[in-house]
Every structure is written in structure tokens, then in C-alpha cells.
Amino acid sequence: MMHVVPGTVEVVAAGVAGAVDSGSGTGQVPHQGMPPLDESGAPLSFFEFWPMWAFYPPVFIYVLWLMLRYRGILLPTAANPALPGGGFVGESKAEILRLAMRHASQWVAPFIAIDRPVAGDDRAATLDAELAQALVSLQQAGMGLPVVAKQDLGCRGAGVQLVRSVDKLRSYLAAFPRGERLLLQTYVPYEGEAGIFYCREPGQDKGRIISITLKYFPHVVGYGHRTLRQLILDDPRAGRLPHLYLGRHKARLEDIPRAGEAIRLAFAGSHSRGAIFRNGNALVTPQMEARFDAIAHQIGEFHFGRFDIRFADFARVQQGEDFTIVEANGAGAESTHIWDRGTTLWRAWADLMRQYRLLFQIGRANRDRGFKPLTWSEFRRWHRREKALTPLYPATD
């Protein structure tokens, strides 16, 4: 840990499996390296963007039954002893990435962690000084712009931005809550992204992949005479979700893209922020399972969670090669393949219930091994902090 003025910067860097471009990352073919995206049929499922209070009650009721069945309200917080709280609540992205970097560095995108100073800690501290230190730390880590800026604590893609310039980095720092930690991570400029959900029960030698989510970034293509606003509103899917895209592109809405020019509408691989999710469960291979099982074993006491990866070619991922982990999530992760527009409501509920049953089984097994879940007061404190911070983060790209 390096103590600097005005904040604290931690550098975690290593080689990345696969090429990482330090350039602009422009000129990419939409969905390059991904399995073909089937856009026939309905663009959305009828429940895909229901509010949480409408979608989750059956799952919550089932979880209450699991709490009684396994005699533990907070057993999920014991699922991953390697992580504070099992990664179920209050999960630090830096904490889990640091663990992965320590034991499987060739698969993880390098990053630095920056602790913004609290107001009044040092009256001489300025935003310019923070920016200068961040740039020095990036250089020391062998990193440069562009980077992905993200919050350390939070979920659902909150506060994720692609930072290509010094001015953008300055703006991001200025908008980020004081006294909190942010990450700057090497930008992996591939269109291919997926969420790989891994599970291994304590006492078992081998784990398995229980879910694959293929993440497609939505694009519209210019005609040379229609504005970006018109292209978004006329798109079969984006036109039904204008609240996700119009505000994000407000500075360009009246621009007229060239004929054939592809405009990417979302950067973060988050469904709630506008990415398109497809079920890739049928694409699991033994080589993939062996690779992610090895990574999880190297982390140690990691039994349940999701690895978000980027790659140039999914066929190579199926061989267990050439991907980069950009984020890892513990017990609080979700099997996001359920947000495929072809998933039925009953199947989505059933898959989440299966996930939580596994989670409670693993938590109970670890409790029996001597690992303690969080106390209720610890859980409540972490949960409140996470909820309070989420609306304070900068807008997501």
C-alpha cells in the first residue's frame, strides 16, 4: 500500500492473458468474437424489466424457507470464506480481484485502487493533486489510458465509465464520493463479454459452471440522414428502453451518424444498464470448467460466484484459453442468463431458486467446517452502506 497525498493508491498489476489495447478501442465490429446474436422474435421478455418488487417475491419466499430448512438466516455469508462476508454483501471488487491476481495473475486485468480523501483531511489537497497522483500510479503500474473507472463497493454496473482522456478522468474523480474507494482498470477492448457462474461444494474436488451469460452491447447503425435520437427510438429493442440510452447520449442525440456507422449504446456489461443478455448454458465445455475450477482453487476457499470476462473469440474461451477477468463476484452474484428474452418467468424463478439452494447448502457445509457467517449487525451495517453509496456514484456509460 502506498500512502500518498491527497488519497491512497494501491497498485495491483500483472500480465493479461490475451492482447490488451492501450489505444482508443474504436472501429470494432459489433459483437465480434461472440456467438451470433439471434434478434428474430420479440426483443424483450414481458418481465425482463419488471421492478424488483414485482419479480423477486417468489424467490424471497423460497429463500425464507431455505433459512428455516438450513437453520441459518445468513448462511450465504459463509459460502466463500476467502471473502469478507462471503461476497454476499458489502463486497469489495478490489479485495476479490486482489485475491485472483495473487494466485492467477495471468487471467486478471491489472488495476489500481484509489481511496479518495475525506473532506477536511488536508485543506491543501486539490483535485488536480489527486489527478496527478492517479496518473503517476497508472504509469508505475505499467498502465495508461484508456482505463475503466468503477466503484469498489456496489453492483448492477453502478458508476462504470470508460475513461479515454485526462479530462474525463478528472471529471470522474470530481464526481466520485469523497472518502470512498474507486478502481482504475486496464481497458480490455474486446466486444466479447460473458459472465461465468462457478460452483463447488465443500469437500468436492471439482467444481462446475452452472450458468453462462453472453453479454452483447447494443448498437444502432447510421443511415447518413437520421439522427442518433431517431435511430434509438426506431430500434426494436432500444426504442422500448429509451430511458436507458437517451440520457447517456444526450450530447450526441441530434448528430447524424454516417451511413453504416455503428454507434454503441452501452459500455457496461450490465443488463440493468442496457446490455443484451443471452443464455449460453448449452455452450459449457469440459475445458472451460477445468480452467475456471483451477482459478477458483488457486484463490482458495472460493466456492460460489461469477467471473465476468472479456475475450476476442468465444471459441477460444470454450477451450479454456484467451480471456481476461475484469470482475469477480461472490455469493451475492446472480445467474444472469435468466434475462435472456427467451426465458420463461417460471424458468427464471426456478433457476434462481436452484442457485439459492446451492448457496445455502454451501454455506451450511462451511459453517459445519467452522467458518462463521456474519452477525446480523454486521450484515445490516454493510448492507446500509452499500445502499447509501449506490446513488452517489457517477453515471454509468
Protein backbone atom coordinates (compact mmCIF):
# COMPACT_ATOMS: atom_id res chain seq x y z
CA MET A 1 0.00 0.00 0.00
CA MET A 2 1.39 3.42 -0.94
CA HIS A 3 0.32 6.35 1.22
CA VAL A 4 0.12 9.49 -0.85
CA VAL A 5 -1.41 12.94 -0.71
CA PRO A 6 -4.28 13.54 -1.10
CA GLY A 7 -5.60 9.99 -1.17
CA THR A 8 -4.36 6.43 -1.04
CA VAL A 9 -3.46 4.46 -4.15
CA GLU A 10 -2.87 0.74 -4.33
CA VAL A 11 -1.32 -0.75 -7.45
CA VAL A 12 -2.18 -4.29 -8.50
CA ALA A 13 -0.77 -5.14 -11.90
CA ALA A 14 0.26 -8.19 -13.83
CA GLY A 15 0.20 -9.62 -17.32
CA VAL A 16 -3.12 -10.16 -19.04
CA ALA A 17 -3.99 -13.34 -20.88
CA GLY A 18 -4.58 -12.08 -24.38
CA ALA A 19 -3.78 -8.76 -26.02
CA VAL A 20 -4.86 -5.56 -24.31
CA ASP A 21 -5.03 -2.46 -26.48
CA SER A 22 -3.93 0.81 -24.94
CA GLY A 23 -5.40 2.74 -27.81
CA SER A 24 -8.87 4.08 -28.41
CA GLY A 25 -10.57 0.77 -28.99
CA THR A 26 -12.66 2.23 -31.83
CA GLY A 27 -13.54 0.61 -35.11
CA GLN A 28 -14.73 -2.65 -33.59
CA VAL A 29 -17.25 -4.82 -35.39
CA PRO A 30 -20.41 -5.14 -33.25
CA HIS A 31 -20.45 -8.45 -31.34
CA GLN A 32 -17.12 -9.53 -32.86
CA GLY A 33 -15.91 -12.81 -31.36
CA MET A 34 -19.32 -13.64 -29.89
CA PRO A 35 -21.71 -16.41 -30.93
CA PRO A 36 -24.21 -14.96 -33.44
CA LEU A 37 -26.91 -12.83 -31.79
CA ASP A 38 -30.39 -14.01 -32.73
CA GLU A 39 -32.55 -10.89 -32.97
CA SER A 40 -35.59 -12.53 -34.50
CA GLY A 41 -38.76 -12.64 -32.46
CA ALA A 42 -39.66 -10.44 -29.51
CA PRO A 43 -36.85 -8.05 -28.48
CA LEU A 44 -37.71 -8.35 -24.76
CA SER A 45 -39.42 -10.80 -22.45
CA PHE A 46 -42.54 -9.43 -20.77
CA PHE A 47 -40.90 -9.49 -17.32
CA GLU A 48 -37.34 -8.57 -18.29
CA PHE A 49 -37.51 -5.06 -16.85
CA TRP A 50 -40.05 -5.54 -14.12
CA PRO A 51 -39.23 -3.67 -10.90
CA MET A 52 -37.61 -5.78 -8.20
CA TRP A 53 -40.75 -5.72 -6.04
CA ALA A 54 -42.71 -7.39 -8.86
CA PHE A 55 -40.19 -10.03 -9.95
CA TYR A 56 -38.47 -11.28 -6.79
CA PRO A 57 -41.23 -12.07 -4.20
CA PRO A 58 -41.50 -15.81 -5.09
CA VAL A 59 -37.70 -16.09 -4.80
CA PHE A 60 -37.70 -14.23 -1.47
CA ILE A 61 -40.36 -16.58 -0.10
CA TYR A 62 -38.27 -19.57 -1.17
CA VAL A 63 -35.20 -18.05 0.49
CA LEU A 64 -37.17 -17.68 3.74
CA TRP A 65 -37.93 -21.39 3.55
CA LEU A 66 -34.22 -22.13 2.96
CA MET A 67 -33.35 -20.11 6.07
CA LEU A 68 -35.64 -22.37 8.10
CA ARG A 69 -34.59 -25.55 6.29
CA TYR A 70 -30.86 -24.96 6.86
CA ARG A 71 -31.26 -23.17 10.20
CA GLY A 72 -29.34 -20.06 9.34
CA ILE A 73 -30.52 -16.66 8.16
CA LEU A 74 -27.08 -15.52 6.99
CA LEU A 75 -25.56 -18.79 5.81
CA PRO A 76 -24.76 -17.27 2.37
CA THR A 77 -22.16 -15.06 4.05
CA ALA A 78 -20.16 -18.21 4.87
CA ALA A 79 -20.20 -19.53 1.30
CA ASN A 80 -16.79 -18.09 0.38
CA PRO A 81 -14.51 -17.96 3.44
CA ALA A 82 -11.83 -16.31 1.30
CA LEU A 83 -14.00 -13.18 1.04
CA PRO A 84 -15.32 -10.88 3.78
CA GLY A 85 -18.99 -11.74 4.21
CA GLY A 86 -18.61 -14.40 1.54
CA GLY A 87 -19.02 -11.69 -1.08
CA PHE A 88 -22.74 -11.67 -0.31
CA VAL A 89 -22.98 -8.07 0.88
CA GLY A 90 -20.52 -5.20 1.09
CA GLU A 91 -18.31 -6.92 -1.45
CA SER A 92 -15.08 -5.14 -2.35
CA LYS A 93 -14.15 -5.52 -6.01
CA ALA A 94 -10.53 -4.76 -5.14
CA GLU A 95 -10.50 -7.44 -2.45
CA ILE A 96 -11.61 -10.29 -4.70
CA LEU A 97 -9.60 -9.11 -7.72
CA ARG A 98 -6.54 -8.86 -5.50
CA LEU A 99 -7.02 -12.47 -4.42
CA ALA A 100 -7.40 -13.58 -8.02
CA MET A 101 -4.39 -11.51 -9.08
CA ARG A 102 -2.25 -13.01 -6.32
CA HIS A 103 -2.88 -16.57 -7.41
CA ALA A 104 -3.96 -16.39 -11.07
CA SER A 105 -2.48 -13.11 -12.28
CA GLN A 106 -2.25 -14.07 -15.95
CA TRP A 107 -6.05 -14.16 -16.18
CA VAL A 108 -6.89 -10.83 -14.49
CA ALA A 109 -6.93 -7.29 -15.91
CA PRO A 110 -4.47 -5.08 -13.98
CA PHE A 111 -5.94 -2.30 -11.84
CA ILE A 112 -5.12 0.31 -9.25
CA ALA A 113 -7.30 1.18 -6.26
CA ILE A 114 -7.62 4.81 -5.19
CA ASP A 115 -9.04 5.97 -1.87
CA ARG A 116 -10.44 9.47 -2.25
CA PRO A 117 -9.67 11.69 0.76
CA VAL A 118 -12.49 12.70 3.05
CA ALA A 119 -13.37 16.38 3.10
CA GLY A 120 -11.20 18.33 5.50
CA ASP A 121 -8.44 15.73 5.84
CA ASP A 122 -5.97 18.05 4.17
CA ARG A 123 -7.09 21.51 3.12
CA ALA A 124 -4.16 21.74 0.69
CA ALA A 125 -5.34 18.67 -1.19
CA THR A 126 -6.86 19.53 -4.54
CA LEU A 127 -8.50 17.65 -7.33
CA ASP A 128 -5.51 18.43 -9.53
CA ALA A 129 -3.23 16.76 -6.99
CA GLU A 130 -5.46 13.68 -6.95
CA LEU A 131 -5.41 13.56 -10.73
CA ALA A 132 -1.63 13.91 -10.87
CA GLN A 133 -1.16 11.10 -8.35
CA ALA A 134 -3.59 8.84 -10.23
CA LEU A 135 -1.64 9.37 -13.46
CA VAL A 136 1.66 8.65 -11.72
CA SER A 137 0.21 5.49 -10.19
CA LEU A 138 -1.06 4.31 -13.57
CA GLN A 139 2.40 4.82 -15.02
CA GLN A 140 4.04 2.97 -12.12
CA ALA A 141 1.68 0.06 -12.73
CA GLY A 142 2.62 -0.05 -16.40
CA MET A 143 -0.86 1.14 -17.31
CA GLY A 144 -2.13 4.05 -19.35
CA LEU A 145 -5.33 5.50 -20.73
CA PRO A 146 -7.87 4.31 -21.62
CA VAL A 147 -8.95 2.68 -18.37
CA VAL A 148 -12.27 1.55 -16.94
CA ALA A 149 -13.22 3.50 -13.83
CA LYS A 150 -15.58 1.80 -11.40
CA GLN A 151 -16.67 1.84 -7.78
CA ASP A 152 -15.17 -0.63 -5.32
CA LEU A 153 -18.43 -1.24 -3.47
CA GLY A 154 -21.69 -1.76 -5.33
CA CYS A 155 -23.40 -3.78 -8.02
CA ARG A 156 -25.55 -3.67 -11.17
CA GLY A 157 -22.97 -1.66 -13.10
CA ALA A 158 -23.26 1.49 -10.98
CA GLY A 159 -20.59 4.10 -11.64
CA VAL A 160 -18.78 2.32 -14.50
CA GLN A 161 -17.21 4.57 -17.13
CA LEU A 162 -14.66 4.22 -19.92
CA VAL A 163 -12.01 6.89 -19.37
CA ARG A 164 -10.08 7.76 -22.52
CA SER A 165 -8.66 11.17 -21.60
CA VAL A 166 -7.14 13.06 -18.68
CA ASP A 167 -10.11 15.45 -18.69
CA LYS A 168 -12.54 12.52 -18.38
CA LEU A 169 -10.52 11.08 -15.50
CA ARG A 170 -10.60 14.44 -13.74
CA SER A 171 -14.38 14.62 -14.17
CA TYR A 172 -14.81 11.10 -12.83
CA LEU A 173 -12.70 11.82 -9.75
CA ALA A 174 -14.64 15.02 -9.11
CA ALA A 175 -17.97 13.18 -9.28
CA PHE A 176 -16.92 10.25 -7.11
CA PRO A 177 -17.89 10.31 -3.40
CA ARG A 178 -15.15 11.53 -1.07
CA GLY A 179 -13.81 9.05 1.42
CA GLU A 180 -14.63 6.10 -0.85
CA ARG A 181 -12.55 3.76 -2.99
CA LEU A 182 -12.57 3.56 -6.77
CA LEU A 183 -10.74 1.32 -9.22
CA LEU A 184 -8.98 2.17 -12.46
CA GLN A 185 -8.61 -0.99 -14.52
CA THR A 186 -6.87 -1.69 -17.80
CA TYR A 187 -9.40 -1.44 -20.62
CA VAL A 188 -9.76 -4.76 -22.42
CA PRO A 189 -11.05 -3.57 -25.82
CA TYR A 190 -12.93 -6.63 -27.00
CA GLU A 191 -16.60 -6.84 -27.90
CA GLY A 192 -16.82 -10.30 -26.34
CA GLU A 193 -18.05 -10.41 -22.74
CA ALA A 194 -19.61 -13.15 -20.63
CA GLY A 195 -20.49 -13.99 -17.05
CA ILE A 196 -19.27 -17.43 -15.95
CA PHE A 197 -21.02 -18.68 -12.80
CA TYR A 198 -18.94 -21.21 -10.89
CA CYS A 199 -19.93 -23.50 -8.02
CA ARG A 200 -18.02 -26.08 -5.97
CA GLU A 201 -19.43 -27.72 -2.86
CA PRO A 202 -17.00 -28.05 0.09
CA GLY A 203 -15.40 -31.47 0.12
CA GLN A 204 -15.72 -31.88 -3.64
CA ASP A 205 -12.53 -31.95 -5.71
CA LYS A 206 -14.08 -30.42 -8.81
CA GLY A 207 -16.47 -27.56 -9.33
CA ARG A 208 -18.75 -26.84 -12.26
CA ILE A 209 -20.14 -23.99 -14.30
CA ILE A 210 -23.84 -23.60 -13.52
CA SER A 211 -24.56 -20.59 -15.73
CA ILE A 212 -23.11 -18.71 -18.69
CA THR A 213 -24.44 -15.31 -19.67
CA LEU A 214 -23.39 -13.98 -23.07
CA LYS A 215 -23.36 -10.17 -22.95
CA TYR A 216 -23.99 -8.25 -26.16
CA PHE A 217 -23.56 -4.49 -26.32
CA PRO A 218 -26.42 -2.83 -28.21
CA HIS A 219 -25.62 -0.78 -31.30
CA VAL A 220 -27.56 1.25 -33.82
CA VAL A 221 -26.31 1.73 -37.38
CA GLY A 222 -26.47 5.07 -39.17
CA TYR A 223 -28.17 5.77 -42.50
CA GLY A 224 -26.49 9.11 -43.16
CA HIS A 225 -29.72 11.10 -42.79
CA ARG A 226 -31.26 10.13 -39.43
CA THR A 227 -30.26 11.50 -36.04
CA LEU A 228 -28.99 9.29 -33.25
CA ARG A 229 -32.20 10.03 -31.35
CA GLN A 230 -34.27 8.73 -34.26
CA LEU A 231 -32.10 5.63 -34.61
CA ILE A 232 -32.53 4.80 -30.92
CA LEU A 233 -36.28 5.38 -30.89
CA ASP A 234 -36.77 3.36 -34.10
CA ASP A 235 -34.73 0.37 -32.91
CA PRO A 236 -36.97 -2.60 -31.96
CA ARG A 237 -35.27 -3.04 -28.58
CA ALA A 238 -33.67 0.30 -27.73
CA GLY A 239 -36.87 2.10 -28.69
CA ARG A 240 -38.64 0.29 -25.85
CA LEU A 241 -35.91 1.31 -23.38
CA PRO A 242 -35.28 4.98 -24.20
CA HIS A 243 -34.74 5.82 -20.52
CA LEU A 244 -31.57 3.69 -20.60
CA TYR A 245 -29.99 5.27 -23.66
CA LEU A 246 -31.22 8.80 -24.40
CA GLY A 247 -29.81 10.44 -21.28
CA ARG A 248 -26.47 8.68 -21.70
CA HIS A 249 -26.09 10.06 -25.24
CA LYS A 250 -27.78 13.44 -24.75
CA ALA A 251 -24.76 15.34 -26.13
CA ARG A 252 -24.99 13.44 -29.44
CA LEU A 253 -28.69 12.86 -29.92
CA GLU A 254 -29.01 15.35 -32.79
CA ASP A 255 -25.86 14.12 -34.55
CA ILE A 256 -26.37 12.26 -37.83
CA PRO A 257 -24.17 9.12 -37.94
CA ARG A 258 -22.62 8.25 -41.29
CA ALA A 259 -24.22 5.53 -43.38
CA GLY A 260 -23.04 2.20 -41.99
CA GLU A 261 -21.52 3.74 -38.84
CA ALA A 262 -22.20 1.60 -35.76
CA ILE A 263 -22.89 3.54 -32.56
CA ARG A 264 -22.56 1.58 -29.35
CA LEU A 265 -25.32 2.45 -26.89
CA ALA A 266 -23.93 0.91 -23.69
CA PHE A 267 -20.44 0.25 -22.37
CA ALA A 268 -21.04 -1.56 -19.07
CA GLY A 269 -21.93 -5.25 -19.34
CA SER A 270 -24.92 -4.80 -17.05
CA HIS A 271 -28.46 -5.78 -18.01
CA SER A 272 -29.99 -3.01 -15.93
CA ARG A 273 -27.79 -0.51 -17.81
CA GLY A 274 -28.88 -1.73 -21.24
CA ALA A 275 -26.67 -4.68 -22.26
CA ILE A 276 -28.37 -7.59 -24.06
CA PHE A 277 -28.12 -10.91 -22.22
CA ARG A 278 -28.39 -14.36 -23.76
CA ASN A 279 -28.36 -17.82 -22.18
CA GLY A 280 -25.10 -19.61 -23.00
CA ASN A 281 -25.54 -22.63 -20.72
CA ALA A 282 -25.50 -25.04 -23.65
CA LEU A 283 -22.01 -23.82 -24.60
CA VAL A 284 -20.17 -25.06 -21.48
CA THR A 285 -17.23 -27.35 -22.29
CA PRO A 286 -15.05 -29.58 -20.08
CA GLN A 287 -12.06 -27.37 -20.89
CA MET A 288 -13.89 -24.27 -19.64
CA GLU A 289 -14.93 -25.99 -16.44
CA ALA A 290 -11.38 -27.21 -15.84
CA ARG A 291 -9.93 -23.71 -16.33
CA PHE A 292 -12.34 -21.89 -14.02
CA ASP A 293 -12.11 -24.69 -11.48
CA ALA A 294 -8.33 -24.24 -11.44
CA ILE A 295 -8.64 -20.46 -10.99
CA ALA A 296 -11.15 -20.87 -8.14
CA HIS A 297 -8.91 -23.45 -6.45
CA GLN A 298 -5.96 -21.06 -6.74
CA ILE A 299 -7.95 -18.33 -5.00
CA GLY A 300 -8.66 -20.77 -2.16
CA GLU A 301 -11.97 -21.22 -0.30
CA PHE A 302 -13.87 -19.71 -3.23
CA HIS A 303 -16.91 -21.91 -3.77
CA PHE A 304 -19.66 -19.83 -5.33
CA GLY A 305 -19.62 -16.80 -7.60
CA ARG A 306 -19.40 -15.31 -11.06
CA PHE A 307 -16.39 -14.33 -13.14
CA ASP A 308 -17.06 -11.57 -15.68
CA ILE A 309 -14.65 -11.97 -18.58
CA ARG A 310 -13.75 -10.30 -21.85
CA PHE A 311 -12.31 -12.05 -24.87
CA ALA A 312 -11.58 -11.79 -28.59
CA ASP A 313 -13.08 -15.16 -29.57
CA PHE A 314 -15.56 -17.22 -27.56
CA ALA A 315 -14.37 -20.38 -29.31
CA ARG A 316 -11.03 -19.91 -27.53
CA VAL A 317 -12.82 -19.43 -24.21
CA GLN A 318 -14.51 -22.78 -24.78
CA GLN A 319 -11.01 -24.23 -24.99
CA GLY A 320 -10.20 -22.64 -21.63
CA GLU A 321 -7.88 -20.04 -23.16
CA ASP A 322 -7.50 -16.36 -24.08
CA PHE A 323 -9.86 -14.49 -21.77
CA THR A 324 -9.40 -11.77 -19.18
CA ILE A 325 -11.27 -11.49 -15.89
CA VAL A 326 -12.50 -7.92 -15.43
CA GLU A 327 -14.62 -8.58 -12.35
CA ALA A 328 -15.36 -11.37 -9.91
CA ASN A 329 -18.39 -11.60 -7.66
CA GLY A 330 -19.01 -13.81 -4.66
CA ALA A 331 -22.17 -15.11 -3.02
CA GLY A 332 -24.20 -12.05 -3.97
CA ALA A 333 -23.87 -12.81 -7.69
CA GLU A 334 -26.87 -13.76 -9.80
CA SER A 335 -27.26 -16.32 -12.59
CA THR A 336 -27.95 -13.59 -15.12
CA HIS A 337 -28.74 -15.92 -18.02
CA ILE A 338 -32.35 -15.64 -16.78
CA TRP A 339 -32.54 -12.23 -18.51
CA ASP A 340 -32.43 -13.87 -21.93
CA ARG A 341 -35.62 -12.70 -23.66
CA GLY A 342 -36.44 -16.37 -24.38
CA THR A 343 -36.52 -17.41 -20.72
CA THR A 344 -39.97 -18.01 -19.29
CA LEU A 345 -40.94 -16.43 -15.99
CA TRP A 346 -41.30 -19.86 -14.36
CA ARG A 347 -37.88 -20.94 -15.61
CA ALA A 348 -36.27 -17.72 -14.34
CA TRP A 349 -37.75 -18.26 -10.89
CA ALA A 350 -36.77 -21.94 -10.89
CA ASP A 351 -33.17 -21.20 -11.88
CA LEU A 352 -32.78 -18.58 -9.15
CA MET A 353 -34.28 -20.93 -6.58
CA ARG A 354 -31.81 -23.62 -7.62
CA GLN A 355 -28.97 -21.09 -7.26
CA TYR A 356 -30.06 -20.13 -3.74
CA ARG A 357 -30.49 -23.75 -2.71
CA LEU A 358 -26.87 -24.41 -3.72
CA LEU A 359 -25.78 -21.27 -1.90
CA PHE A 360 -27.42 -22.31 1.37
CA GLN A 361 -26.06 -25.85 1.06
CA ILE A 362 -22.54 -24.50 0.63
CA GLY A 363 -22.99 -22.02 3.47
CA ARG A 364 -24.18 -24.77 5.80
CA ALA A 365 -21.29 -27.04 4.83
CA ASN A 366 -18.80 -24.27 5.55
CA ARG A 367 -20.47 -23.49 8.86
CA ASP A 368 -20.08 -27.15 9.77
CA ARG A 369 -16.38 -26.80 8.89
CA GLY A 370 -16.04 -23.99 11.42
CA PHE A 371 -16.49 -20.89 9.26
CA LYS A 372 -18.87 -18.38 10.82
CA PRO A 373 -21.49 -16.34 8.93
CA LEU A 374 -21.78 -12.61 9.53
CA THR A 375 -23.73 -11.48 12.54
CA TRP A 376 -26.98 -9.65 11.89
CA SER A 377 -25.48 -6.32 12.98
CA GLU A 378 -22.52 -6.77 10.61
CA PHE A 379 -24.81 -7.64 7.72
CA ARG A 380 -27.09 -4.68 8.38
CA ARG A 381 -24.16 -2.25 8.59
CA TRP A 382 -22.62 -3.39 5.30
CA HIS A 383 -25.96 -3.53 3.52
CA ARG A 384 -26.91 0.00 4.58
CA ARG A 385 -23.56 1.39 3.47
CA GLU A 386 -23.81 -0.22 0.05
CA LYS A 387 -27.37 1.05 -0.48
CA ALA A 388 -26.43 4.55 0.63
CA LEU A 389 -23.45 4.77 -1.73
CA THR A 390 -25.02 3.44 -4.94
CA PRO A 391 -26.99 6.61 -5.87
CA LEU A 392 -23.92 8.78 -5.19
CA TYR A 393 -21.72 7.22 -7.88
CA PRO A 394 -21.13 8.89 -11.25
CA ALA A 395 -23.46 7.98 -14.11
CA THR A 396 -22.70 4.73 -15.94
CA ASP A 397 -21.57 4.79 -19.59
